[in-house]
Amino acid sequence: MNRRTSFLFALPLAAAPGLAEASELAGVWARGDGKARVLVEQCGDDLCATNVWVRPGTRNERVGDTLVMDVDSVGPSRYEGRARDVRRGLTYSMEISLDGAAMETRGCILGKLICKSANWTSLN
């Protein structure tokens, strides 16, 4: 699942009933490997994570790549659902957990047989 899941994070925001907690995901996040930054914000009834910066030379990623997420709260600071990579036309199952200014995302394909996790730090 390599770089396809590099910006796995956004979720439906306060516009959807019961998703007000998802606003804690909004803002700019830096990926732990230092190769990308994403802006998570509401887009319609969902949340979008859009690459706003990609380190030059990083393969398979572009500024503007967007992940549209439809997730629900499953516990305090925990979300699960689906995410669609707009450019690649791929859909992933998605898990997100927050701990203060830290976020961990996990995206999976093929019935959760192939998964990739990423750690993020809030830049807000």
Protein backbone atom coordinates (compact mmCIF):
# COMPACT_ATOMS: atom_id res chain seq x y z
CA MET A 1 0.00 0.00 0.00
CA ASN A 2 3.10 2.24 -0.07
CA ARG A 3 2.61 5.97 -0.59
CA ARG A 4 -1.02 5.60 -1.59
CA THR A 5 -1.96 5.88 2.07
CA SER A 6 0.45 8.66 2.88
CA PHE A 7 -2.19 11.14 3.88
CA LEU A 8 -4.72 8.83 5.46
CA PHE A 9 -6.67 10.92 7.87
CA ALA A 10 -9.66 13.11 7.46
CA LEU A 11 -13.16 12.48 8.55
CA PRO A 12 -16.64 13.96 8.43
CA LEU A 13 -16.80 17.13 10.41
CA ALA A 14 -19.31 19.02 12.47
CA ALA A 15 -21.80 19.39 9.62
CA ALA A 16 -22.91 15.79 10.06
CA PRO A 17 -24.98 14.92 13.14
CA GLY A 18 -22.95 13.25 15.87
CA LEU A 19 -19.63 14.10 14.26
CA ALA A 20 -18.84 17.33 16.09
CA GLU A 21 -15.93 15.54 17.75
CA ALA A 22 -14.29 15.10 14.36
CA SER A 23 -13.42 18.80 14.43
CA GLU A 24 -10.44 17.75 16.57
CA LEU A 25 -8.96 16.36 13.35
CA ALA A 26 -9.14 19.68 11.49
CA GLY A 27 -5.94 21.59 10.81
CA VAL A 28 -2.48 20.99 9.38
CA TRP A 29 -0.66 17.74 10.21
CA ALA A 30 2.97 16.77 9.51
CA ARG A 31 3.69 13.12 8.72
CA GLY A 32 6.24 11.51 11.00
CA ASP A 33 8.71 10.74 8.21
CA GLY A 34 8.85 14.46 7.33
CA LYS A 35 7.82 13.88 3.71
CA ALA A 36 4.34 15.42 3.70
CA ARG A 37 1.95 17.85 5.36
CA VAL A 38 -1.82 17.69 4.99
CA LEU A 39 -4.67 20.07 5.65
CA VAL A 40 -7.69 18.32 7.14
CA GLU A 41 -10.92 20.28 6.70
CA GLN A 42 -14.60 19.84 6.06
CA CYS A 43 -15.63 19.22 2.45
CA GLY A 44 -19.37 18.81 2.16
CA ASP A 45 -20.56 16.17 4.61
CA ASP A 46 -17.10 14.56 4.77
CA LEU A 47 -13.60 15.57 5.76
CA CYS A 48 -10.80 15.94 3.26
CA ALA A 49 -7.09 15.55 3.84
CA THR A 50 -5.21 17.41 1.13
CA ASN A 51 -1.45 17.41 0.62
CA VAL A 52 -0.34 21.02 1.07
CA TRP A 53 3.40 20.25 1.02
CA VAL A 54 5.40 17.27 -0.25
CA ARG A 55 9.18 17.02 0.11
CA PRO A 56 10.78 17.31 -3.33
CA GLY A 57 11.72 13.90 -4.70
CA THR A 58 9.01 12.03 -2.76
CA ARG A 59 7.61 9.39 -5.10
CA ASN A 60 3.91 8.88 -5.79
CA GLU A 61 2.75 12.01 -3.97
CA ARG A 62 1.73 15.44 -5.19
CA VAL A 63 0.61 18.67 -3.63
CA GLY A 64 -3.16 18.70 -4.05
CA ASP A 65 -3.69 14.94 -3.67
CA THR A 66 -6.89 14.57 -1.65
CA LEU A 67 -8.31 11.82 0.53
CA VAL A 68 -12.07 12.11 1.17
CA MET A 69 -13.06 10.44 4.43
CA ASP A 70 -16.36 9.22 5.77
CA VAL A 71 -15.67 8.17 9.36
CA ASP A 72 -17.60 7.96 12.60
CA SER A 73 -16.53 8.29 16.20
CA VAL A 74 -16.07 4.86 17.82
CA GLY A 75 -14.75 6.14 21.15
CA PRO A 76 -12.94 9.08 22.67
CA SER A 77 -10.60 10.48 19.99
CA ARG A 78 -11.06 7.36 17.80
CA TYR A 79 -12.64 7.19 14.36
CA GLU A 80 -13.32 4.44 11.83
CA GLY A 81 -14.77 4.38 8.35
CA ARG A 82 -13.75 4.59 4.73
CA ALA A 83 -11.46 6.89 2.77
CA ARG A 84 -11.33 7.49 -0.98
CA ASP A 85 -8.13 8.56 -2.74
CA VAL A 86 -9.51 10.88 -5.42
CA ARG A 87 -6.56 10.81 -7.86
CA ARG A 88 -5.92 7.08 -7.70
CA GLY A 89 -9.56 6.01 -7.45
CA LEU A 90 -8.82 3.71 -4.50
CA THR A 91 -10.90 3.16 -1.36
CA TYR A 92 -9.48 2.13 2.01
CA SER A 93 -10.87 1.16 5.37
CA MET A 94 -9.65 3.81 7.82
CA GLU A 95 -8.83 4.00 11.51
CA ILE A 96 -7.71 7.19 13.23
CA SER A 97 -6.69 7.74 16.83
CA LEU A 98 -5.66 10.98 18.51
CA ASP A 99 -3.58 11.61 21.61
CA GLY A 100 -3.16 15.34 22.18
CA ALA A 101 -1.17 16.78 19.26
CA ALA A 102 -0.37 13.29 17.92
CA MET A 103 -2.43 11.31 15.43
CA GLU A 104 -2.04 7.77 14.14
CA THR A 105 -3.77 6.67 10.96
CA ARG A 106 -4.16 3.17 9.56
CA GLY A 107 -5.45 2.48 6.07
CA CYS A 108 -6.20 -1.00 4.74
CA ILE A 109 -7.25 -2.68 1.50
CA LEU A 110 -8.31 -6.21 0.58
CA GLY A 111 -10.40 -6.81 3.69
CA LYS A 112 -7.65 -5.51 5.97
CA LEU A 113 -5.06 -7.94 4.59
CA ILE A 114 -2.73 -5.12 3.55
CA CYS A 115 -2.43 -2.13 5.89
CA LYS A 116 -0.16 0.87 6.34
CA SER A 117 0.07 3.11 9.39
CA ALA A 118 1.40 6.64 9.71
CA ASN A 119 2.08 8.94 12.66
CA TRP A 120 1.30 12.65 12.47
CA THR A 121 1.96 15.76 14.55
CA SER A 122 -0.38 18.74 14.65
CA LEU A 123 1.11 22.00 13.37
CA ASN A 124 -1.81 24.08 14.66
